[in-house]
Amino acid sequence: MGLSAREKRALAGIAGLIRAEEPDLAHSLRSFAGGAITAEVLPSRRHLFLVAMLAVVLVVLAVAVPALGNTGNASAATSHALPRA
């Protein structure tokens, strides 16, 4: 979306004031005007969905894998206890 004629006139007026009052600043600001204007690309909903699904899978694995390691060996947690005297 472009600027309206009124906005362009306002910016031209500001630029003229800066050139008149601060020529060094105007010169340094002029060096920024030569590049292409680009916009940041936001991730799509599809990418966000894939990241969310990956997070869910990782959480399920983090909970399930330690639980699977203890099946069938109920005394694994107490096997390192010192014998009572």
PDB file of N, CA and C in Angstrom:
ATOM      1  N   MET A   1       0.847  -1.170   0.000  1.00  0.00           N
ATOM      2  CA  MET A   1       0.000   0.000   0.000  1.00  0.00           C
ATOM      3  C   MET A   1       0.893   1.233   0.000  1.00  0.00           C
ATOM      4  N   GLY A   2       0.666   2.115  -0.957  1.00  0.00           N
ATOM      5  CA  GLY A   2       1.477   3.307  -1.083  1.00  0.00           C
ATOM      6  C   GLY A   2       1.001   4.431  -0.176  1.00  0.00           C
ATOM      7  N   LEU A   3       1.793   5.466  -0.140  1.00  0.00           N
ATOM      8  CA  LEU A   3       1.444   6.638   0.665  1.00  0.00           C
ATOM      9  C   LEU A   3       0.500   7.546  -0.112  1.00  0.00           C
ATOM     10  N   SER A   4      -0.352   8.226   0.629  1.00  0.00           N
ATOM     11  CA  SER A   4      -1.236   9.192  -0.013  1.00  0.00           C
ATOM     12  C   SER A   4      -0.427  10.442  -0.373  1.00  0.00           C
ATOM     13  N   ALA A   5      -1.029  11.295  -1.192  1.00  0.00           N
ATOM     14  CA  ALA A   5      -0.350  12.536  -1.597  1.00  0.00           C
ATOM     15  C   ALA A   5      -0.054  13.404  -0.376  1.00  0.00           C
ATOM     16  N   ARG A   6      -0.973  13.442   0.573  1.00  0.00           N
ATOM     17  CA  ARG A   6      -0.771  14.236   1.786  1.00  0.00           C
ATOM     18  C   ARG A   6       0.413  13.701   2.598  1.00  0.00           C
ATOM     19  N   GLU A   7       0.504  12.376   2.716  1.00  0.00           N
ATOM     20  CA  GLU A   7       1.610  11.785   3.465  1.00  0.00           C
ATOM     21  C   GLU A   7       2.950  12.035   2.768  1.00  0.00           C
ATOM     22  N   LYS A   8       2.942  11.955   1.437  1.00  0.00           N
ATOM     23  CA  LYS A   8       4.171  12.237   0.683  1.00  0.00           C
ATOM     24  C   LYS A   8       4.620  13.679   0.876  1.00  0.00           C
ATOM     25  N   ARG A   9       3.661  14.618   0.869  1.00  0.00           N
ATOM     26  CA  ARG A   9       4.011  16.033   1.091  1.00  0.00           C
ATOM     27  C   ARG A   9       4.560  16.238   2.494  1.00  0.00           C
ATOM     28  N   ALA A  10       3.958  15.577   3.486  1.00  0.00           N
ATOM     29  CA  ALA A  10       4.433  15.712   4.866  1.00  0.00           C
ATOM     30  C   ALA A  10       5.857  15.179   4.996  1.00  0.00           C
ATOM     31  N   LEU A  11       6.135  14.027   4.405  1.00  0.00           N
ATOM     32  CA  LEU A  11       7.482  13.473   4.466  1.00  0.00           C
ATOM     33  C   LEU A  11       8.492  14.341   3.712  1.00  0.00           C
ATOM     34  N   ALA A  12       8.067  14.897   2.581  1.00  0.00           N
ATOM     35  CA  ALA A  12       8.964  15.792   1.833  1.00  0.00           C
ATOM     36  C   ALA A  12       9.276  17.038   2.658  1.00  0.00           C
ATOM     37  N   GLY A  13       8.289  17.547   3.387  1.00  0.00           N
ATOM     38  CA  GLY A  13       8.519  18.705   4.252  1.00  0.00           C
ATOM     39  C   GLY A  13       9.492  18.384   5.383  1.00  0.00           C
ATOM     40  N   ILE A  14       9.337  17.218   5.976  1.00  0.00           N
ATOM     41  CA  ILE A  14      10.255  16.800   7.044  1.00  0.00           C
ATOM     42  C   ILE A  14      11.663  16.635   6.491  1.00  0.00           C
ATOM     43  N   ALA A  15      11.773  16.013   5.321  1.00  0.00           N
ATOM     44  CA  ALA A  15      13.086  15.833   4.705  1.00  0.00           C
ATOM     45  C   ALA A  15      13.737  17.179   4.400  1.00  0.00           C
ATOM     46  N   GLY A  16      12.946  18.128   3.922  1.00  0.00           N
ATOM     47  CA  GLY A  16      13.493  19.462   3.638  1.00  0.00           C
ATOM     48  C   GLY A  16      13.992  20.148   4.902  1.00  0.00           C
ATOM     49  N   LEU A  17      13.251  20.031   5.993  1.00  0.00           N
ATOM     50  CA  LEU A  17      13.689  20.625   7.262  1.00  0.00           C
ATOM     51  C   LEU A  17      14.975  19.979   7.767  1.00  0.00           C
ATOM     52  N   ILE A  18      15.071  18.672   7.636  1.00  0.00           N
ATOM     53  CA  ILE A  18      16.297  17.999   8.078  1.00  0.00           C
ATOM     54  C   ILE A  18      17.478  18.430   7.224  1.00  0.00           C
ATOM     55  N   ARG A  19      17.269  18.535   5.903  1.00  0.00           N
ATOM     56  CA  ARG A  19      18.365  18.981   5.026  1.00  0.00           C
ATOM     57  C   ARG A  19      18.813  20.389   5.373  1.00  0.00           C
ATOM     58  N   ALA A  20      17.870  21.253   5.749  1.00  0.00           N
ATOM     59  CA  ALA A  20      18.216  22.642   6.056  1.00  0.00           C
ATOM     60  C   ALA A  20      18.879  22.775   7.425  1.00  0.00           C
ATOM     61  N   GLU A  21      18.379  22.043   8.414  1.00  0.00           N
ATOM     62  CA  GLU A  21      18.872  22.218   9.779  1.00  0.00           C
ATOM     63  C   GLU A  21      20.027  21.283  10.132  1.00  0.00           C
ATOM     64  N   GLU A  22      20.040  20.087   9.577  1.00  0.00           N
ATOM     65  CA  GLU A  22      21.065  19.089   9.902  1.00  0.00           C
ATOM     66  C   GLU A  22      21.575  18.429   8.618  1.00  0.00           C
ATOM     67  N   PRO A  23      22.430  19.124   7.862  1.00  0.00           N
ATOM     68  CA  PRO A  23      22.877  18.551   6.589  1.00  0.00           C
ATOM     69  C   PRO A  23      23.670  17.252   6.752  1.00  0.00           C
ATOM     70  N   ASP A  24      24.461  17.141   7.825  1.00  0.00           N
ATOM     71  CA  ASP A  24      25.223  15.901   8.029  1.00  0.00           C
ATOM     72  C   ASP A  24      24.285  14.721   8.295  1.00  0.00           C
ATOM     73  N   LEU A  25      23.257  14.948   9.106  1.00  0.00           N
ATOM     74  CA  LEU A  25      22.278  13.906   9.371  1.00  0.00           C
ATOM     75  C   LEU A  25      21.544  13.523   8.089  1.00  0.00           C
ATOM     76  N   ALA A  26      21.160  14.499   7.295  1.00  0.00           N
ATOM     77  CA  ALA A  26      20.467  14.228   6.038  1.00  0.00           C
ATOM     78  C   ALA A  26      21.339  13.403   5.106  1.00  0.00           C
ATOM     79  N   HIS A  27      22.633  13.719   5.066  1.00  0.00           N
ATOM     80  CA  HIS A  27      23.549  12.962   4.214  1.00  0.00           C
ATOM     81  C   HIS A  27      23.668  11.509   4.680  1.00  0.00           C
ATOM     82  N   SER A  28      23.775  11.307   5.996  1.00  0.00           N
ATOM     83  CA  SER A  28      23.905   9.936   6.493  1.00  0.00           C
ATOM     84  C   SER A  28      22.601   9.156   6.318  1.00  0.00           C
ATOM     85  N   LEU A  29      21.453   9.818   6.458  1.00  0.00           N
ATOM     86  CA  LEU A  29      20.177   9.131   6.259  1.00  0.00           C
ATOM     87  C   LEU A  29      19.942   8.779   4.800  1.00  0.00           C
ATOM     88  N   ARG A  30      20.493   9.573   3.887  1.00  0.00           N
ATOM     89  CA  ARG A  30      20.315   9.337   2.462  1.00  0.00           C
ATOM     90  C   ARG A  30      20.926   7.999   2.049  1.00  0.00           C
ATOM     91  N   SER A  31      21.958   7.535   2.770  1.00  0.00           N
ATOM     92  CA  SER A  31      22.598   6.273   2.397  1.00  0.00           C
ATOM     93  C   SER A  31      21.680   5.073   2.651  1.00  0.00           C
ATOM     94  N   PHE A  32      20.673   5.214   3.501  1.00  0.00           N
ATOM     95  CA  PHE A  32      19.762   4.117   3.779  1.00  0.00           C
ATOM     96  C   PHE A  32      18.668   3.983   2.727  1.00  0.00           C
ATOM     97  N   ALA A  33      18.494   4.951   1.879  1.00  0.00           N
ATOM     98  CA  ALA A  33      17.364   4.969   0.956  1.00  0.00           C
ATOM     99  C   ALA A  33      17.602   4.163  -0.310  1.00  0.00           C
ATOM    100  N   GLY A  34      18.773   3.606  -0.524  1.00  0.00           N
ATOM    101  CA  GLY A  34      19.071   2.942  -1.787  1.00  0.00           C
ATOM    102  C   GLY A  34      18.676   1.486  -1.878  1.00  0.00           C
ATOM    103  N   GLY A  35      18.425   0.827  -0.764  1.00  0.00           N
ATOM    104  CA  GLY A  35      18.160  -0.613  -0.783  1.00  0.00           C
ATOM    105  C   GLY A  35      16.721  -0.955  -1.109  1.00  0.00           C
ATOM    106  N   ALA A  36      16.517  -2.216  -1.382  1.00  0.00           N
ATOM    107  CA  ALA A  36      15.172  -2.704  -1.649  1.00  0.00           C
ATOM    108  C   ALA A  36      14.404  -2.828  -0.340  1.00  0.00           C
ATOM    109  N   ILE A  37      13.133  -2.585  -0.408  1.00  0.00           N
ATOM    110  CA  ILE A  37      12.282  -2.704   0.775  1.00  0.00           C
ATOM    111  C   ILE A  37      11.736  -4.125   0.814  1.00  0.00           C
ATOM    112  N   THR A  38      12.029  -4.806   1.903  1.00  0.00           N
ATOM    113  CA  THR A  38      11.557  -6.180   2.050  1.00  0.00           C
ATOM    114  C   THR A  38      10.751  -6.295   3.334  1.00  0.00           C
ATOM    115  N   ALA A  39       9.903  -7.275   3.372  1.00  0.00           N
ATOM    116  CA  ALA A  39       9.094  -7.520   4.551  1.00  0.00           C
ATOM    117  C   ALA A  39       9.498  -8.860   5.152  1.00  0.00           C
ATOM    118  N   GLU A  40       9.390  -8.953   6.463  1.00  0.00           N
ATOM    119  CA  GLU A  40       9.697 -10.210   7.125  1.00  0.00           C
ATOM    120  C   GLU A  40       8.592 -11.212   6.817  1.00  0.00           C
ATOM    121  N   VAL A  41       8.991 -12.404   6.459  1.00  0.00           N
ATOM    122  CA  VAL A  41       8.028 -13.442   6.125  1.00  0.00           C
ATOM    123  C   VAL A  41       7.662 -14.188   7.405  1.00  0.00           C
ATOM    124  N   LEU A  42       6.384 -14.212   7.702  1.00  0.00           N
ATOM    125  CA  LEU A  42       5.911 -14.922   8.877  1.00  0.00           C
ATOM    126  C   LEU A  42       5.671 -16.384   8.517  1.00  0.00           C
ATOM    127  N   PRO A  43       5.873 -17.285   9.475  1.00  0.00           N
ATOM    128  CA  PRO A  43       5.637 -18.696   9.163  1.00  0.00           C
ATOM    129  C   PRO A  43       4.158 -18.957   8.868  1.00  0.00           C
ATOM    130  N   SER A  44       3.930 -19.886   7.975  1.00  0.00           N
ATOM    131  CA  SER A  44       2.551 -20.209   7.610  1.00  0.00           C
ATOM    132  C   SER A  44       1.910 -21.067   8.687  1.00  0.00           C
ATOM    133  N   ARG A  45       0.598 -21.211   8.611  1.00  0.00           N
ATOM    134  CA  ARG A  45      -0.123 -22.053   9.579  1.00  0.00           C
ATOM    135  C   ARG A  45       0.332 -23.497   9.474  1.00  0.00           C
ATOM    136  N   ARG A  46       0.681 -23.926   8.284  1.00  0.00           N
ATOM    137  CA  ARG A  46       1.133 -25.306   8.099  1.00  0.00           C
ATOM    138  C   ARG A  46       2.423 -25.552   8.876  1.00  0.00           C
ATOM    139  N   HIS A  47       3.369 -24.619   8.785  1.00  0.00           N
ATOM    140  CA  HIS A  47       4.621 -24.773   9.519  1.00  0.00           C
ATOM    141  C   HIS A  47       4.386 -24.738  11.031  1.00  0.00           C
ATOM    142  N   LEU A  48       3.507 -23.871  11.476  1.00  0.00           N
ATOM    143  CA  LEU A  48       3.206 -23.806  12.898  1.00  0.00           C
ATOM    144  C   LEU A  48       2.566 -25.100  13.379  1.00  0.00           C
ATOM    145  N   PHE A  49       1.694 -25.685  12.564  1.00  0.00           N
ATOM    146  CA  PHE A  49       1.061 -26.954  12.911  1.00  0.00           C
ATOM    147  C   PHE A  49       2.107 -28.061  13.016  1.00  0.00           C
ATOM    148  N   LEU A  50       3.041 -28.103  12.072  1.00  0.00           N
ATOM    149  CA  LEU A  50       4.085 -29.131  12.109  1.00  0.00           C
ATOM    150  C   LEU A  50       4.968 -28.988  13.346  1.00  0.00           C
ATOM    151  N   VAL A  51       5.303 -27.769  13.705  1.00  0.00           N
ATOM    152  CA  VAL A  51       6.119 -27.541  14.911  1.00  0.00           C
ATOM    153  C   VAL A  51       5.347 -27.961  16.154  1.00  0.00           C
ATOM    154  N   ALA A  52       4.058 -27.659  16.210  1.00  0.00           N
ATOM    155  CA  ALA A  52       3.242 -28.058  17.357  1.00  0.00           C
ATOM    156  C   ALA A  52       3.140 -29.572  17.456  1.00  0.00           C
ATOM    157  N   MET A  53       2.963 -30.246  16.328  1.00  0.00           N
ATOM    158  CA  MET A  53       2.890 -31.714  16.342  1.00  0.00           C
ATOM    159  C   MET A  53       4.214 -32.325  16.787  1.00  0.00           C
ATOM    160  N   LEU A  54       5.319 -31.767  16.341  1.00  0.00           N
ATOM    161  CA  LEU A  54       6.628 -32.248  16.769  1.00  0.00           C
ATOM    162  C   LEU A  54       6.801 -32.079  18.273  1.00  0.00           C
ATOM    163  N   ALA A  55       6.352 -30.965  18.809  1.00  0.00           N
ATOM    164  CA  ALA A  55       6.435 -30.737  20.249  1.00  0.00           C
ATOM    165  C   ALA A  55       5.606 -31.759  21.014  1.00  0.00           C
ATOM    166  N   VAL A  56       4.414 -32.067  20.523  1.00  0.00           N
ATOM    167  CA  VAL A  56       3.557 -33.060  21.181  1.00  0.00           C
ATOM    168  C   VAL A  56       4.222 -34.428  21.156  1.00  0.00           C
ATOM    169  N   VAL A  57       4.797 -34.815  20.027  1.00  0.00           N
ATOM    170  CA  VAL A  57       5.474 -36.111  19.924  1.00  0.00           C
ATOM    171  C   VAL A  57       6.647 -36.179  20.890  1.00  0.00           C
ATOM    172  N   LEU A  58       7.418 -35.112  20.990  1.00  0.00           N
ATOM    173  CA  LEU A  58       8.559 -35.096  21.906  1.00  0.00           C
ATOM    174  C   LEU A  58       8.115 -35.211  23.358  1.00  0.00           C
ATOM    175  N   VAL A  59       7.035 -34.550  23.720  1.00  0.00           N
ATOM    176  CA  VAL A  59       6.527 -34.635  25.091  1.00  0.00           C
ATOM    177  C   VAL A  59       6.047 -36.056  25.381  1.00  0.00           C
ATOM    178  N   VAL A  60       5.323 -36.661  24.449  1.00  0.00           N
ATOM    179  CA  VAL A  60       4.839 -38.034  24.642  1.00  0.00           C
ATOM    180  C   VAL A  60       6.017 -38.985  24.795  1.00  0.00           C
ATOM    181  N   LEU A  61       7.038 -38.827  23.969  1.00  0.00           N
ATOM    182  CA  LEU A  61       8.211 -39.685  24.080  1.00  0.00           C
ATOM    183  C   LEU A  61       8.952 -39.460  25.395  1.00  0.00           C
ATOM    184  N   ALA A  62       9.041 -38.236  25.845  1.00  0.00           N
ATOM    185  CA  ALA A  62       9.727 -37.943  27.105  1.00  0.00           C
ATOM    186  C   ALA A  62       9.022 -38.584  28.281  1.00  0.00           C
ATOM    187  N   VAL A  63       7.721 -38.723  28.195  1.00  0.00           N
ATOM    188  CA  VAL A  63       6.955 -39.359  29.274  1.00  0.00           C
ATOM    189  C   VAL A  63       6.951 -40.871  29.099  1.00  0.00           C
ATOM    190  N   ALA A  64       6.814 -41.377  27.883  1.00  0.00           N
ATOM    191  CA  ALA A  64       6.640 -42.802  27.639  1.00  0.00           C
ATOM    192  C   ALA A  64       7.944 -43.587  27.763  1.00  0.00           C
ATOM    193  N   VAL A  65       9.046 -43.068  27.282  1.00  0.00           N
ATOM    194  CA  VAL A  65      10.297 -43.827  27.268  1.00  0.00           C
ATOM    195  C   VAL A  65      10.771 -44.170  28.680  1.00  0.00           C
ATOM    196  N   PRO A  66      10.828 -43.257  29.624  1.00  0.00           N
ATOM    197  CA  PRO A  66      11.232 -43.655  30.981  1.00  0.00           C
ATOM    198  C   PRO A  66      10.248 -44.643  31.608  1.00  0.00           C
ATOM    199  N   ALA A  67       8.958 -44.510  31.320  1.00  0.00           N
ATOM    200  CA  ALA A  67       7.965 -45.429  31.868  1.00  0.00           C
ATOM    201  C   ALA A  67       8.137 -46.828  31.278  1.00  0.00           C
ATOM    202  N   LEU A  68       8.505 -46.930  30.021  1.00  0.00           N
ATOM    203  CA  LEU A  68       8.711 -48.237  29.393  1.00  0.00           C
ATOM    204  C   LEU A  68       9.951 -48.931  29.935  1.00  0.00           C
ATOM    205  N   GLY A  69      10.927 -48.173  30.358  1.00  0.00           N
ATOM    206  CA  GLY A  69      12.158 -48.751  30.891  1.00  0.00           C
ATOM    207  C   GLY A  69      11.963 -49.433  32.227  1.00  0.00           C
ATOM    208  N   ASN A  70      10.929 -49.103  32.980  1.00  0.00           N
ATOM    209  CA  ASN A  70      10.698 -49.673  34.299  1.00  0.00           C
ATOM    210  C   ASN A  70       9.665 -50.784  34.294  1.00  0.00           C
ATOM    211  N   THR A  71       9.147 -51.200  33.163  1.00  0.00           N
ATOM    212  CA  THR A  71       8.127 -52.248  33.146  1.00  0.00           C
ATOM    213  C   THR A  71       8.766 -53.590  33.428  1.00  0.00           C
ATOM    214  N   GLY A  72       8.099 -54.414  34.228  1.00  0.00           N
ATOM    215  CA  GLY A  72       8.572 -55.745  34.532  1.00  0.00           C
ATOM    216  C   GLY A  72       9.639 -55.804  35.606  1.00  0.00           C
ATOM    217  N   ASN A  73      10.110 -54.683  36.094  1.00  0.00           N
ATOM    218  CA  ASN A  73      11.172 -54.666  37.099  1.00  0.00           C
ATOM    219  C   ASN A  73      10.770 -53.700  38.193  1.00  0.00           C
ATOM    220  N   ALA A  74       9.825 -54.128  39.039  1.00  0.00           N
ATOM    221  CA  ALA A  74       9.286 -53.237  40.061  1.00  0.00           C
ATOM    222  C   ALA A  74      10.296 -52.913  41.138  1.00  0.00           C
ATOM    223  N   SER A  75      11.313 -53.743  41.334  1.00  0.00           N
ATOM    224  CA  SER A  75      12.282 -53.506  42.401  1.00  0.00           C
ATOM    225  C   SER A  75      13.499 -52.726  41.922  1.00  0.00           C
ATOM    226  N   ALA A  76      13.464 -52.202  40.700  1.00  0.00           N
ATOM    227  CA  ALA A  76      14.618 -51.486  40.158  1.00  0.00           C
ATOM    228  C   ALA A  76      14.930 -50.241  40.970  1.00  0.00           C
ATOM    229  N   ALA A  77      13.925 -49.593  41.511  1.00  0.00           N
ATOM    230  CA  ALA A  77      14.166 -48.368  42.262  1.00  0.00           C
ATOM    231  C   ALA A  77      14.776 -48.666  43.627  1.00  0.00           C
ATOM    232  N   THR A  78      14.533 -49.843  44.193  1.00  0.00           N
ATOM    233  CA  THR A  78      15.048 -50.151  45.527  1.00  0.00           C
ATOM    234  C   THR A  78      16.254 -51.072  45.494  1.00  0.00           C
ATOM    235  N   SER A  79      16.744 -51.463  44.318  1.00  0.00           N
ATOM    236  CA  SER A  79      17.849 -52.394  44.255  1.00  0.00           C
ATOM    237  C   SER A  79      19.165 -51.791  44.719  1.00  0.00           C
ATOM    238  N   HIS A  80      19.274 -50.493  44.786  1.00  0.00           N
ATOM    239  CA  HIS A  80      20.500 -49.835  45.208  1.00  0.00           C
ATOM    240  C   HIS A  80      20.481 -49.444  46.675  1.00  0.00           C
ATOM    241  N   ALA A  81      19.489 -49.878  47.401  1.00  0.00           N
ATOM    242  CA  ALA A  81      19.386 -49.531  48.822  1.00  0.00           C
ATOM    243  C   ALA A  81      20.375 -50.349  49.640  1.00  0.00           C
ATOM    244  N   LEU A  82      20.863 -49.764  50.702  1.00  0.00           N
ATOM    245  CA  LEU A  82      21.781 -50.454  51.590  1.00  0.00           C
ATOM    246  C   LEU A  82      21.010 -51.480  52.427  1.00  0.00           C
ATOM    247  N   PRO A  83      21.630 -52.638  52.692  1.00  0.00           N
ATOM    248  CA  PRO A  83      20.933 -53.636  53.510  1.00  0.00           C
ATOM    249  C   PRO A  83      20.778 -53.153  54.946  1.00  0.00           C
ATOM    250  N   ARG A  84      19.694 -53.544  55.572  1.00  0.00           N
ATOM    251  CA  ARG A  84      19.441 -53.125  56.943  1.00  0.00           C
ATOM    252  C   ARG A  84      20.204 -54.036  57.901  1.00  0.00           C
ATOM    253  N   ALA A  85      20.659 -53.475  58.977  1.00  0.00           N
ATOM    254  CA  ALA A  85      21.421 -54.260  59.951  1.00  0.00           C
ATOM    255  C   ALA A  85      20.559 -54.781  61.068  1.00  0.00           C
TER     256      ALA A  85
END
